[in-house]
C-alpha atoms as a PDB file:
ATOM      1  CA  MET A   1       0.000   0.000   0.000  1.00  0.00           C
ATOM      2  CA  ARG A   2       1.956   2.950  -1.251  1.00  0.00           C
ATOM      3  CA  SER A   3      -0.603   5.654  -1.754  1.00  0.00           C
ATOM      4  CA  CYS A   4      -3.799   6.699  -0.104  1.00  0.00           C
ATOM      5  CA  TRP A   5      -7.432   5.834  -0.507  1.00  0.00           C
ATOM      6  CA  PRO A   6      -9.834   6.778  -2.113  1.00  0.00           C
ATOM      7  CA  PRO A   7      -9.761   5.364  -5.666  1.00  0.00           C
ATOM      8  CA  SER A   8     -13.052   7.151  -6.316  1.00  0.00           C
ATOM      9  CA  ALA A   9     -14.387  10.127  -4.398  1.00  0.00           C
ATOM     10  CA  ALA A  10     -17.450  11.119  -6.406  1.00  0.00           C
ATOM     11  CA  TRP A  11     -19.556  11.425  -3.268  1.00  0.00           C
ATOM     12  CA  TYR A  12     -17.258  14.025  -1.680  1.00  0.00           C
ATOM     13  CA  PRO A  13     -18.092  17.717  -1.774  1.00  0.00           C
ATOM     14  CA  GLU A  14     -16.052  19.854  -4.131  1.00  0.00           C
ATOM     15  CA  PRO A  15     -12.510  20.370  -2.794  1.00  0.00           C
ATOM     16  CA  ALA A  16     -11.781  23.747  -1.319  1.00  0.00           C
ATOM     17  CA  PRO A  17      -9.012  25.811  -2.945  1.00  0.00           C
ATOM     18  CA  VAL A  18      -5.710  25.338  -1.158  1.00  0.00           C
ATOM     19  CA  LEU A  19      -2.553  27.409  -1.109  1.00  0.00           C
ATOM     20  CA  HIS A  20       0.271  24.915  -1.500  1.00  0.00           C
ATOM     21  CA  HIS A  21       2.788  27.528  -0.378  1.00  0.00           C
ATOM     22  CA  LEU A  22       1.570  26.805   3.177  1.00  0.00           C
ATOM     23  CA  LEU A  23       3.323  23.465   2.866  1.00  0.00           C
ATOM     24  CA  PHE A  24       5.825  23.839   0.045  1.00  0.00           C
ATOM     25  CA  PRO A  25       8.152  26.685  -0.924  1.00  0.00           C
ATOM     26  CA  ALA A  26       7.704  28.258  -4.360  1.00  0.00           C
ATOM     27  CA  GLY A  27       8.912  26.018  -7.160  1.00  0.00           C
ATOM     28  CA  ALA A  28       9.042  22.856  -5.062  1.00  0.00           C
ATOM     29  CA  ALA A  29       7.300  19.584  -5.888  1.00  0.00           C
ATOM     30  CA  VAL A  30       3.720  19.490  -4.645  1.00  0.00           C
ATOM     31  CA  THR A  31       3.810  16.079  -2.933  1.00  0.00           C
ATOM     32  CA  ALA A  32       5.066  15.393   0.586  1.00  0.00           C
ATOM     33  CA  ARG A  33       6.260  11.812   0.844  1.00  0.00           C
ATOM     34  CA  VAL A  34       5.306  10.245   4.166  1.00  0.00           C
ATOM     35  CA  ALA A  35       6.605   6.993   5.659  1.00  0.00           C
ATOM     36  CA  LEU A  36       4.553   5.022   8.177  1.00  0.00           C
ATOM     37  CA  VAL A  37       7.006   2.623   9.821  1.00  0.00           C
ATOM     38  CA  ILE A  38       5.327  -0.547  11.109  1.00  0.00           C
ATOM     39  CA  PHE A  39       6.558  -3.610  12.982  1.00  0.00           C
ATOM     40  CA  PRO A  40       5.404  -7.213  13.379  1.00  0.00           C
ATOM     41  CA  MET A  41       2.280  -7.334  15.574  1.00  0.00           C
ATOM     42  CA  PHE A  42       1.610  -3.609  15.140  1.00  0.00           C
ATOM     43  CA  HIS A  43      -1.787  -2.239  16.178  1.00  0.00           C
ATOM     44  CA  ILE A  44      -4.025  -2.100  13.119  1.00  0.00           C
ATOM     45  CA  LEU A  45      -5.509   1.251  14.221  1.00  0.00           C
ATOM     46  CA  ASP A  46      -2.210   2.796  13.108  1.00  0.00           C
ATOM     47  CA  LEU A  47      -3.389   2.266   9.529  1.00  0.00           C
ATOM     48  CA  SER A  48      -6.307   4.629  10.108  1.00  0.00           C
ATOM     49  CA  ILE A  49      -3.959   7.528   9.404  1.00  0.00           C
ATOM     50  CA  LEU A  50      -3.878   6.428   5.759  1.00  0.00           C
ATOM     51  CA  SER A  51      -7.525   7.410   5.457  1.00  0.00           C
ATOM     52  CA  VAL A  52      -6.810  10.818   6.976  1.00  0.00           C
ATOM     53  CA  PHE A  53      -4.073  11.534   4.441  1.00  0.00           C
ATOM     54  CA  GLY A  54      -6.348  10.160   1.706  1.00  0.00           C
ATOM     55  CA  VAL A  55      -9.149  12.570   2.541  1.00  0.00           C
ATOM     56  CA  ALA A  56      -6.595  15.401   2.738  1.00  0.00           C
ATOM     57  CA  ASN A  57      -5.566  14.556  -0.819  1.00  0.00           C
ATOM     58  CA  HIS A  58      -9.153  15.052  -1.952  1.00  0.00           C
ATOM     59  CA  PHE A  59      -9.314  18.584  -0.605  1.00  0.00           C
ATOM     60  CA  ALA A  60      -5.696  19.403  -1.480  1.00  0.00           C
ATOM     61  CA  PRO A  61      -4.917  17.156  -4.453  1.00  0.00           C
ATOM     62  CA  GLY A  62      -1.398  15.787  -4.625  1.00  0.00           C
ATOM     63  CA  SER A  63      -0.374  16.875  -1.139  1.00  0.00           C
ATOM     64  CA  TYR A  64       0.696  13.499   0.251  1.00  0.00           C
ATOM     65  CA  GLN A  65       2.050  10.148  -0.865  1.00  0.00           C
ATOM     66  CA  VAL A  66       2.199   7.605   1.947  1.00  0.00           C
ATOM     67  CA  ASP A  67       4.501   4.570   1.967  1.00  0.00           C
ATOM     68  CA  VAL A  68       3.936   1.829   4.517  1.00  0.00           C
ATOM     69  CA  VAL A  69       7.452   0.645   5.320  1.00  0.00           C
ATOM     70  CA  SER A  70       9.244  -1.917   7.471  1.00  0.00           C
ATOM     71  CA  MET A  71      12.868  -2.890   7.896  1.00  0.00           C
ATOM     72  CA  THR A  72      12.470  -6.096   5.871  1.00  0.00           C
ATOM     73  CA  GLY A  73       9.746  -5.104   3.439  1.00  0.00           C
ATOM     74  CA  GLY A  74       7.095  -7.639   2.459  1.00  0.00           C
ATOM     75  CA  LEU A  75       4.067  -8.817   4.427  1.00  0.00           C
ATOM     76  CA  ILE A  76       3.837  -7.585   8.033  1.00  0.00           C
ATOM     77  CA  ARG A  77       1.048  -8.927  10.227  1.00  0.00           C
ATOM     78  CA  SER A  78      -0.810  -6.911  12.842  1.00  0.00           C
ATOM     79  CA  GLN A  79      -1.983  -8.019  16.285  1.00  0.00           C
ATOM     80  CA  SER A  80      -5.383  -8.744  14.750  1.00  0.00           C
ATOM     81  CA  GLY A  81      -3.835 -11.124  12.219  1.00  0.00           C
ATOM     82  CA  VAL A  82      -4.385  -8.872   9.206  1.00  0.00           C
ATOM     83  CA  GLY A  83      -1.265  -8.428   7.107  1.00  0.00           C
ATOM     84  CA  ILE A  84      -0.173  -5.539   4.922  1.00  0.00           C
ATOM     85  CA  ASP A  85       2.443  -5.428   2.209  1.00  0.00           C
ATOM     86  CA  THR A  86       5.306  -3.036   2.956  1.00  0.00           C
ATOM     87  CA  ILE A  87       8.348  -1.683   1.191  1.00  0.00           C
ATOM     88  CA  PRO A  88      11.815  -1.649   2.797  1.00  0.00           C
ATOM     89  CA  PHE A  89      12.621   1.363   4.982  1.00  0.00           C
ATOM     90  CA  SER A  90      15.602   2.443   2.931  1.00  0.00           C
ATOM     91  CA  ASP A  91      17.523   5.690   2.627  1.00  0.00           C
ATOM     92  CA  GLN A  92      14.736   7.159   0.486  1.00  0.00           C
ATOM     93  CA  HIS A  93      14.171  10.790   1.507  1.00  0.00           C
ATOM     94  CA  TYR A  94      10.883  11.383   3.309  1.00  0.00           C
ATOM     95  CA  ASP A  95       9.276  14.680   4.231  1.00  0.00           C
ATOM     96  CA  THR A  96       7.601  13.095   7.285  1.00  0.00           C
ATOM     97  CA  VAL A  97       8.429   9.838   9.087  1.00  0.00           C
ATOM     98  CA  ILE A  98       5.829   8.388  11.463  1.00  0.00           C
ATOM     99  CA  VAL A  99       6.915   5.503  13.699  1.00  0.00           C
ATOM    100  CA  GLY A 100       4.009   3.200  14.508  1.00  0.00           C
ATOM    101  CA  SER A 101       3.172   1.231  17.637  1.00  0.00           C
ATOM    102  CA  THR A 102       4.574  -2.056  18.856  1.00  0.00           C
ATOM    103  CA  PRO A 103       3.247  -4.794  21.148  1.00  0.00           C
ATOM    104  CA  GLY A 104       4.490  -4.087  24.676  1.00  0.00           C
ATOM    105  CA  LEU A 105       7.747  -2.244  25.276  1.00  0.00           C
ATOM    106  CA  PRO A 106       9.888  -2.316  22.131  1.00  0.00           C
ATOM    107  CA  ALA A 107      13.556  -3.200  21.894  1.00  0.00           C
ATOM    108  CA  PRO A 108      14.471  -1.890  18.436  1.00  0.00           C
ATOM    109  CA  ALA A 109      17.224  -3.546  16.436  1.00  0.00           C
ATOM    110  CA  PRO A 110      20.411  -1.525  15.858  1.00  0.00           C
ATOM    111  CA  ASP A 111      19.711  -1.144  12.131  1.00  0.00           C
ATOM    112  CA  MET A 112      16.306   0.396  12.878  1.00  0.00           C
ATOM    113  CA  VAL A 113      17.877   2.808  15.383  1.00  0.00           C
ATOM    114  CA  GLN A 114      20.519   3.819  12.853  1.00  0.00           C
ATOM    115  CA  ARG A 115      17.965   4.272  10.079  1.00  0.00           C
ATOM    116  CA  LEU A 116      15.811   6.525  12.267  1.00  0.00           C
ATOM    117  CA  GLN A 117      18.808   8.627  13.257  1.00  0.00           C
ATOM    118  CA  VAL A 118      19.452   9.286   9.567  1.00  0.00           C
ATOM    119  CA  ALA A 119      15.769   9.953   8.899  1.00  0.00           C
ATOM    120  CA  ALA A 120      15.543  12.415  11.801  1.00  0.00           C
ATOM    121  CA  ARG A 121      18.351  14.466  10.292  1.00  0.00           C
ATOM    122  CA  SER A 122      16.923  14.535   6.766  1.00  0.00           C
ATOM    123  CA  ALA A 123      13.138  14.606   7.253  1.00  0.00           C
ATOM    124  CA  ARG A 124      11.241  17.855   7.753  1.00  0.00           C
ATOM    125  CA  ARG A 125       9.569  16.241  10.759  1.00  0.00           C
ATOM    126  CA  ILE A 126       9.410  12.945  12.574  1.00  0.00           C
ATOM    127  CA  ALA A 127       6.627  11.521  14.735  1.00  0.00           C
ATOM    128  CA  SER A 128       5.661   8.548  16.876  1.00  0.00           C
ATOM    129  CA  ILE A 129       2.406   6.768  17.660  1.00  0.00           C
ATOM    130  CA  CYS A 130       1.953   5.201  21.099  1.00  0.00           C
ATOM    131  CA  THR A 131       4.975   2.985  21.942  1.00  0.00           C
ATOM    132  CA  GLY A 132       6.760   4.213  18.840  1.00  0.00           C
ATOM    133  CA  ALA A 133       8.078   6.906  21.196  1.00  0.00           C
ATOM    134  CA  PHE A 134      10.347   4.287  22.795  1.00  0.00           C
ATOM    135  CA  ILE A 135      11.940   3.605  19.416  1.00  0.00           C
ATOM    136  CA  LEU A 136      12.555   7.281  18.672  1.00  0.00           C
ATOM    137  CA  ALA A 137      13.916   7.673  22.209  1.00  0.00           C
ATOM    138  CA  GLU A 138      16.322   4.764  21.670  1.00  0.00           C
ATOM    139  CA  ALA A 139      17.585   6.577  18.568  1.00  0.00           C
ATOM    140  CA  GLY A 140      18.217   9.720  20.652  1.00  0.00           C
ATOM    141  CA  VAL A 141      15.668  11.714  18.644  1.00  0.00           C
ATOM    142  CA  LEU A 142      13.657  12.688  21.734  1.00  0.00           C
ATOM    143  CA  ASP A 143      16.492  13.807  24.019  1.00  0.00           C
ATOM    144  CA  GLY A 144      15.605  17.079  25.738  1.00  0.00           C
ATOM    145  CA  ARG A 145      12.135  17.158  24.212  1.00  0.00           C
ATOM    146  CA  SER A 146       8.563  16.993  25.487  1.00  0.00           C
ATOM    147  CA  VAL A 147       6.738  13.867  24.301  1.00  0.00           C
ATOM    148  CA  THR A 148       3.736  11.726  25.043  1.00  0.00           C
ATOM    149  CA  THR A 149       2.753   8.084  24.651  1.00  0.00           C
ATOM    150  CA  HIS A 150      -0.110   5.870  25.752  1.00  0.00           C
ATOM    151  CA  TRP A 151      -0.835   6.653  29.403  1.00  0.00           C
ATOM    152  CA  GLY A 152      -0.182   3.011  30.330  1.00  0.00           C
ATOM    153  CA  PHE A 153       3.451   3.295  29.140  1.00  0.00           C
ATOM    154  CA  ALA A 154       4.225   6.857  30.218  1.00  0.00           C
ATOM    155  CA  ASP A 155       5.950   5.950  33.491  1.00  0.00           C
ATOM    156  CA  ALA A 156       8.094   3.330  31.782  1.00  0.00           C
ATOM    157  CA  LEU A 157       9.128   5.824  29.096  1.00  0.00           C
ATOM    158  CA  ALA A 158      10.111   8.407  31.724  1.00  0.00           C
ATOM    159  CA  ARG A 159      12.111   5.851  33.738  1.00  0.00           C
ATOM    160  CA  ARG A 160      13.947   4.380  30.759  1.00  0.00           C
ATOM    161  CA  PHE A 161      14.782   7.734  29.169  1.00  0.00           C
ATOM    162  CA  PRO A 162      15.293  10.359  31.906  1.00  0.00           C
ATOM    163  CA  ARG A 163      16.425  13.006  29.406  1.00  0.00           C
ATOM    164  CA  ILE A 164      12.884  13.140  27.989  1.00  0.00           C
ATOM    165  CA  GLN A 165      10.071  15.273  29.402  1.00  0.00           C
ATOM    166  CA  VAL A 166       7.076  12.901  29.318  1.00  0.00           C
ATOM    167  CA  GLU A 167       3.617  14.480  29.325  1.00  0.00           C
ATOM    168  CA  PRO A 168       1.512  11.452  30.282  1.00  0.00           C
ATOM    169  CA  ASP A 169      -2.031  12.623  29.644  1.00  0.00           C
ATOM    170  CA  LYS A 170      -1.729  14.574  26.383  1.00  0.00           C
ATOM    171  CA  ILE A 171      -3.411  13.459  23.139  1.00  0.00           C
ATOM    172  CA  PHE A 172      -0.352  14.522  21.167  1.00  0.00           C
ATOM    173  CA  VAL A 173       2.654  16.779  21.696  1.00  0.00           C
ATOM    174  CA  ARG A 174       4.623  18.892  19.257  1.00  0.00           C
ATOM    175  CA  ASP A 175       8.141  19.947  20.180  1.00  0.00           C
ATOM    176  CA  GLY A 176       9.749  21.610  17.204  1.00  0.00           C
ATOM    177  CA  HIS A 177       9.878  19.167  14.293  1.00  0.00           C
ATOM    178  CA  VAL A 178       9.243  16.179  16.600  1.00  0.00           C
ATOM    179  CA  TRP A 179       5.639  15.075  17.176  1.00  0.00           C
ATOM    180  CA  SER A 180       4.319  12.245  19.374  1.00  0.00           C
ATOM    181  CA  SER A 181       0.872  10.899  20.163  1.00  0.00           C
ATOM    182  CA  ALA A 182      -0.879   8.789  22.736  1.00  0.00           C
ATOM    183  CA  GLY A 183      -2.145   5.360  21.766  1.00  0.00           C
ATOM    184  CA  MET A 184      -5.077   3.972  19.813  1.00  0.00           C
ATOM    185  CA  THR A 185      -7.213   6.623  18.056  1.00  0.00           C
ATOM    186  CA  ALA A 186      -4.870   9.466  19.104  1.00  0.00           C
ATOM    187  CA  CYS A 187      -2.899   8.745  15.911  1.00  0.00           C
ATOM    188  CA  ILE A 188      -5.789  10.325  13.986  1.00  0.00           C
ATOM    189  CA  ASP A 189      -5.504  13.505  16.059  1.00  0.00           C
ATOM    190  CA  LEU A 190      -1.748  13.525  15.484  1.00  0.00           C
ATOM    191  CA  VAL A 191      -2.108  13.364  11.700  1.00  0.00           C
ATOM    192  CA  LEU A 192      -4.877  15.961  11.697  1.00  0.00           C
ATOM    193  CA  GLY A 193      -2.437  18.195  13.583  1.00  0.00           C
ATOM    194  CA  LEU A 194       0.264  17.557  10.967  1.00  0.00           C
ATOM    195  CA  ILE A 195      -2.154  18.338   8.150  1.00  0.00           C
ATOM    196  CA  GLU A 196      -3.406  21.494   9.858  1.00  0.00           C
ATOM    197  CA  ALA A 197       0.197  22.674  10.214  1.00  0.00           C
ATOM    198  CA  ASP A 198       0.642  22.074   6.467  1.00  0.00           C
ATOM    199  CA  LEU A 199      -2.655  23.100   4.909  1.00  0.00           C
ATOM    200  CA  GLY A 200      -4.516  25.143   7.506  1.00  0.00           C
ATOM    201  CA  HIS A 201      -7.588  24.882   9.715  1.00  0.00           C
ATOM    202  CA  ALA A 202     -10.203  25.046   6.934  1.00  0.00           C
ATOM    203  CA  ILE A 203      -8.928  21.866   5.256  1.00  0.00           C
ATOM    204  CA  THR A 204      -8.703  20.036   8.580  1.00  0.00           C
ATOM    205  CA  LYS A 205     -12.263  21.020   9.432  1.00  0.00           C
ATOM    206  CA  GLN A 206     -13.453  19.565   6.119  1.00  0.00           C
ATOM    207  CA  ILE A 207     -11.555  16.341   6.781  1.00  0.00           C
ATOM    208  CA  CYS A 208     -13.203  15.996  10.204  1.00  0.00           C
ATOM    209  CA  LYS A 209     -16.613  16.503   8.624  1.00  0.00           C
ATOM    210  CA  ILE A 210     -16.041  13.828   5.975  1.00  0.00           C
ATOM    211  CA  MET A 211     -14.631  11.381   8.546  1.00  0.00           C
ATOM    212  CA  VAL A 212     -17.589  12.027  10.880  1.00  0.00           C
ATOM    213  CA  LEU A 213     -15.321  13.197  13.671  1.00  0.00           C
ATOM    214  CA  TYR A 214     -16.920  15.429  16.293  1.00  0.00           C
ATOM    215  CA  HIS A 215     -13.952  17.802  16.141  1.00  0.00           C
ATOM    216  CA  ARG A 216     -10.190  17.639  16.038  1.00  0.00           C
ATOM    217  CA  ARG A 217      -8.900  17.186  19.564  1.00  0.00           C
ATOM    218  CA  SER A 218      -6.015  19.516  20.206  1.00  0.00           C
ATOM    219  CA  GLY A 219      -2.706  18.172  21.417  1.00  0.00           C
ATOM    220  CA  GLY A 220      -3.083  19.731  24.849  1.00  0.00           C
ATOM    221  CA  GLN A 221      -6.353  17.948  25.504  1.00  0.00           C
ATOM    222  CA  SER A 222      -6.260  15.175  28.079  1.00  0.00           C
ATOM    223  CA  GLN A 223      -6.343  11.508  27.084  1.00  0.00           C
ATOM    224  CA  PHE A 224      -9.213  11.159  29.565  1.00  0.00           C
ATOM    225  CA  SER A 225     -12.712  12.623  29.333  1.00  0.00           C
ATOM    226  CA  VAL A 226     -14.746  13.593  32.383  1.00  0.00           C
ATOM    227  CA  LEU A 227     -17.479  11.100  31.501  1.00  0.00           C
ATOM    228  CA  ALA A 228     -14.934   8.295  31.204  1.00  0.00           C
ATOM    229  CA  GLU A 229     -13.380   9.346  34.505  1.00  0.00           C
ATOM    230  CA  ILE A 230     -16.702   9.333  36.368  1.00  0.00           C
ATOM    231  CA  ASP A 231     -18.051   6.163  34.668  1.00  0.00           C
ATOM    232  CA  PRO A 232     -21.051   5.297  36.884  1.00  0.00           C
ATOM    233  CA  LYS A 233     -22.487   1.768  36.838  1.00  0.00           C
ATOM    234  CA  LYS A 234     -26.156   2.719  36.980  1.00  0.00           C
ATOM    235  CA  GLU A 235     -27.800   3.472  33.644  1.00  0.00           C
ATOM    236  CA  ARG A 236     -29.930   6.228  35.161  1.00  0.00           C
ATOM    237  CA  ILE A 237     -26.883   8.134  36.403  1.00  0.00           C
ATOM    238  CA  ARG A 238     -25.212   7.736  33.004  1.00  0.00           C
ATOM    239  CA  ARG A 239     -28.372   9.120  31.427  1.00  0.00           C
ATOM    240  CA  VAL A 240     -28.246  12.170  33.700  1.00  0.00           C
ATOM    241  CA  LEU A 241     -24.575  12.804  32.885  1.00  0.00           C
ATOM    242  CA  THR A 242     -25.357  12.696  29.176  1.00  0.00           C
ATOM    243  CA  PHE A 243     -28.220  15.133  29.756  1.00  0.00           C
ATOM    244  CA  ILE A 244     -25.850  17.476  31.617  1.00  0.00           C
ATOM    245  CA  LYS A 245     -23.240  17.342  28.852  1.00  0.00           C
ATOM    246  CA  ASP A 246     -25.897  18.089  26.214  1.00  0.00           C
ATOM    247  CA  ASN A 247     -27.424  20.978  28.172  1.00  0.00           C
ATOM    248  CA  LEU A 248     -24.504  22.789  29.819  1.00  0.00           C
ATOM    249  CA  ARG A 249     -25.965  26.165  28.934  1.00  0.00           C
ATOM    250  CA  GLU A 250     -29.042  25.472  31.081  1.00  0.00           C
ATOM    251  CA  PRO A 251     -29.203  26.237  34.860  1.00  0.00           C
ATOM    252  CA  LEU A 252     -29.285  22.459  35.629  1.00  0.00           C
ATOM    253  CA  SER A 253     -30.940  22.480  39.026  1.00  0.00           C
ATOM    254  CA  ILE A 254     -31.046  19.348  41.192  1.00  0.00           C
ATOM    255  CA  GLN A 255     -34.775  19.058  40.568  1.00  0.00           C
ATOM    256  CA  GLN A 256     -34.288  19.329  36.808  1.00  0.00           C
ATOM    257  CA  LEU A 257     -31.741  16.502  36.903  1.00  0.00           C
ATOM    258  CA  ALA A 258     -33.839  14.360  39.229  1.00  0.00           C
ATOM    259  CA  ASP A 259     -36.788  14.721  36.860  1.00  0.00           C
ATOM    260  CA  GLN A 260     -34.763  13.045  34.111  1.00  0.00           C
ATOM    261  CA  VAL A 261     -34.861   9.780  36.053  1.00  0.00           C
ATOM    262  CA  ASN A 262     -38.146  10.267  37.937  1.00  0.00           C
ATOM    263  CA  TRP A 263     -36.501  10.440  41.364  1.00  0.00           C
ATOM    264  CA  SER A 264     -36.980  12.878  44.175  1.00  0.00           C
ATOM    265  CA  ALA A 265     -34.315  15.580  44.427  1.00  0.00           C
ATOM    266  CA  ARG A 266     -33.089  14.201  47.748  1.00  0.00           C
ATOM    267  CA  HIS A 267     -32.819  10.605  46.534  1.00  0.00           C
ATOM    268  CA  PHE A 268     -31.157  11.731  43.314  1.00  0.00           C
ATOM    269  CA  SER A 269     -28.462  13.727  45.146  1.00  0.00           C
ATOM    270  CA  ARG A 270     -27.603  10.776  47.393  1.00  0.00           C
ATOM    271  CA  ALA A 271     -27.600   8.234  44.554  1.00  0.00           C
ATOM    272  CA  PHE A 272     -25.535  10.463  42.277  1.00  0.00           C
ATOM    273  CA  GLN A 273     -22.819  11.034  44.867  1.00  0.00           C
ATOM    274  CA  ALA A 274     -22.754   7.347  45.835  1.00  0.00           C
ATOM    275  CA  GLU A 275     -22.236   6.371  42.182  1.00  0.00           C
ATOM    276  CA  THR A 276     -19.787   9.052  41.087  1.00  0.00           C
ATOM    277  CA  GLY A 277     -18.064  10.251  44.261  1.00  0.00           C
ATOM    278  CA  LEU A 278     -19.061  13.792  43.259  1.00  0.00           C
ATOM    279  CA  THR A 279     -21.939  16.072  44.091  1.00  0.00           C
ATOM    280  CA  PRO A 280     -24.073  16.955  41.052  1.00  0.00           C
ATOM    281  CA  ALA A 281     -22.697  20.516  41.239  1.00  0.00           C
ATOM    282  CA  LYS A 282     -19.080  19.301  41.088  1.00  0.00           C
ATOM    283  CA  ALA A 283     -19.826  17.021  38.134  1.00  0.00           C
ATOM    284  CA  ILE A 284     -21.521  19.886  36.284  1.00  0.00           C
ATOM    285  CA  GLU A 285     -18.541  22.133  36.974  1.00  0.00           C
ATOM    286  CA  LYS A 286     -16.074  19.533  35.639  1.00  0.00           C
ATOM    287  CA  LEU A 287     -18.108  19.029  32.467  1.00  0.00           C
ATOM    288  CA  ARG A 288     -18.403  22.773  31.919  1.00  0.00           C
ATOM    289  CA  VAL A 289     -14.655  23.260  32.355  1.00  0.00           C
ATOM    290  CA  GLU A 290     -13.953  20.418  29.900  1.00  0.00           C
ATOM    291  CA  ALA A 291     -16.318  21.952  27.329  1.00  0.00           C
ATOM    292  CA  ALA A 292     -14.854  25.438  27.803  1.00  0.00           C
ATOM    293  CA  GLN A 293     -11.302  24.113  27.438  1.00  0.00           C
ATOM    294  CA  ALA A 294     -12.260  22.353  24.195  1.00  0.00           C
ATOM    295  CA  LEU A 295     -13.722  25.603  22.814  1.00  0.00           C
ATOM    296  CA  ILE A 296     -10.575  27.537  23.711  1.00  0.00           C
ATOM    297  CA  GLU A 297      -8.346  24.931  22.091  1.00  0.00           C
ATOM    298  CA  SER A 298     -10.541  24.986  18.969  1.00  0.00           C
ATOM    299  CA  GLY A 299      -9.729  28.676  18.511  1.00  0.00           C
ATOM    300  CA  HIS A 300     -12.528  30.440  20.400  1.00  0.00           C
ATOM    301  CA  THR A 301     -10.921  33.218  22.426  1.00  0.00           C
ATOM    302  CA  SER A 302     -13.818  35.334  23.705  1.00  0.00           C
ATOM    303  CA  ALA A 303     -13.988  34.414  27.391  1.00  0.00           C
ATOM    304  CA  ALA A 304     -17.422  35.997  27.808  1.00  0.00           C
ATOM    305  CA  ARG A 305     -18.856  34.037  24.882  1.00  0.00           C
ATOM    306  CA  ILE A 306     -17.325  30.751  26.032  1.00  0.00           C
ATOM    307  CA  ALA A 307     -18.624  31.320  29.561  1.00  0.00           C
ATOM    308  CA  ASP A 308     -22.103  31.914  28.157  1.00  0.00           C
ATOM    309  CA  GLN A 309     -22.046  28.869  25.866  1.00  0.00           C
ATOM    310  CA  THR A 310     -20.916  26.520  28.641  1.00  0.00           C
ATOM    311  CA  GLY A 311     -23.269  27.771  31.332  1.00  0.00           C
ATOM    312  CA  PHE A 312     -20.852  29.636  33.581  1.00  0.00           C
ATOM    313  CA  GLY A 313     -22.699  32.894  33.001  1.00  0.00           C
ATOM    314  CA  ASP A 314     -19.665  35.158  33.180  1.00  0.00           C
ATOM    315  CA  ASP A 315     -15.930  34.849  32.631  1.00  0.00           C
ATOM    316  CA  GLU A 316     -14.999  35.433  36.274  1.00  0.00           C
ATOM    317  CA  ARG A 317     -17.099  32.460  37.403  1.00  0.00           C
ATOM    318  CA  MET A 318     -15.455  30.418  34.642  1.00  0.00           C
ATOM    319  CA  ARG A 319     -11.975  31.535  35.751  1.00  0.00           C
ATOM    320  CA  ARG A 320     -12.632  30.410  39.332  1.00  0.00           C
ATOM    321  CA  ALA A 321     -13.932  27.038  38.109  1.00  0.00           C
ATOM    322  CA  PHE A 322     -10.786  26.490  35.994  1.00  0.00           C
ATOM    323  CA  LEU A 323      -8.632  27.204  39.031  1.00  0.00           C
ATOM    324  CA  ARG A 324     -10.594  24.714  41.155  1.00  0.00           C
ATOM    325  CA  VAL A 325     -10.669  21.929  38.559  1.00  0.00           C
ATOM    326  CA  LEU A 326      -7.391  22.363  36.638  1.00  0.00           C
ATOM    327  CA  GLY A 327      -5.331  24.584  38.916  1.00  0.00           C
ATOM    328  CA  VAL A 328      -4.724  27.130  36.115  1.00  0.00           C
ATOM    329  CA  PRO A 329      -6.847  29.936  34.625  1.00  0.00           C
ATOM    330  CA  PRO A 330      -8.401  29.689  31.145  1.00  0.00           C
ATOM    331  CA  GLN A 331      -5.933  32.327  29.913  1.00  0.00           C
ATOM    332  CA  LYS A 332      -3.211  29.669  29.946  1.00  0.00           C
ATOM    333  CA  PHE A 333      -5.086  27.652  27.323  1.00  0.00           C
ATOM    334  CA  VAL A 334      -5.847  30.786  25.295  1.00  0.00           C
ATOM    335  CA  ARG A 335      -2.110  31.595  25.152  1.00  0.00           C
ATOM    336  CA  ALA A 336      -1.268  27.994  24.200  1.00  0.00           C
ATOM    337  CA  SER A 337      -3.881  28.035  21.431  1.00  0.00           C
ATOM    338  CA  ARG A 338      -2.488  31.307  20.058  1.00  0.00           C
ATOM    339  CA  SER A 339       1.089  29.970  20.071  1.00  0.00           C
ATOM    340  CA  VAL A 340       0.003  26.914  18.069  1.00  0.00           C
ATOM    341  CA  LYS A 341      -1.635  29.195  15.482  1.00  0.00           C
ATOM    342  CA  LEU A 342       1.551  31.242  15.214  1.00  0.00           C
ATOM    343  CA  ASP A 343       3.566  28.047  14.612  1.00  0.00           C
ATOM    344  CA  VAL A 344       1.127  26.959  11.892  1.00  0.00           C
ATOM    345  CA  GLY A 345       1.387  30.322  10.173  1.00  0.00           C
ATOM    346  CA  ARG A 346       5.152  30.308   9.922  1.00  0.00           C
END
């Protein structure tokens, strides 16, 4: 598999005009060659990034050619048993090299380490998915940099490579030309970030729409959602949490929530806290902060508007909630969002 799906895209909307100078200097070739490096027993979700690049090529024709590579070439089987044909990871020049995941903690062979050291010097950027960070770290590519990996391997990465600054709960991290992502579906967010840096926000938004993604999660977003963190066993409490998340702009009184499950307000409050370990007010606050943070990281910078949309009412109440829940004010995320935009525009 050397280039991206789709063979036919008649059902897509018309591609938006794209300025290739965002990605390529004047007079350069219009295709960025990307290598996805895979290993025996890789996680098949890593291949989902091929679809992301494929949809990008619809909206910005000719932007990417993706090679699936391995050290040996030939058929490489995934953990699920599905195999994919690869080409050898040679000294071919690549614009972007993405190192895929491995089963457990990898111990890369010396020839792979050497090849990645060469690639890191010649490629415009280099990235890792999940445990691929261990392989880049072994090659010395991550020394002195901030990186992430799957939360289950973050401690091991920090212990094995003390010269790396591991950010254990980030979806993906960019440090200069080195990018890294958490595990599983975070590889999609990583590649959307790469494409946004190349082609801009408008193209990325179109890709998300075609791929039926709610929105592109920013790198700074946590690997954990509030709903996943709370995770009550009772269906009625789960139903209430979904109602809260869908109606954050509403006042959300105890009686209003209790009515969703036909309980008295007193019984609801006791049952909710027993199931979640939180009062309804604390759960609402956490969900509002999560929603406000997502809006900030998506480029919304009007504190008053965000506070209104997420039910805080005013920006001062939102600021106090951020301090209670996250320990930092919303302005920190606004500044981070602005710095990412400046990097993309360079």
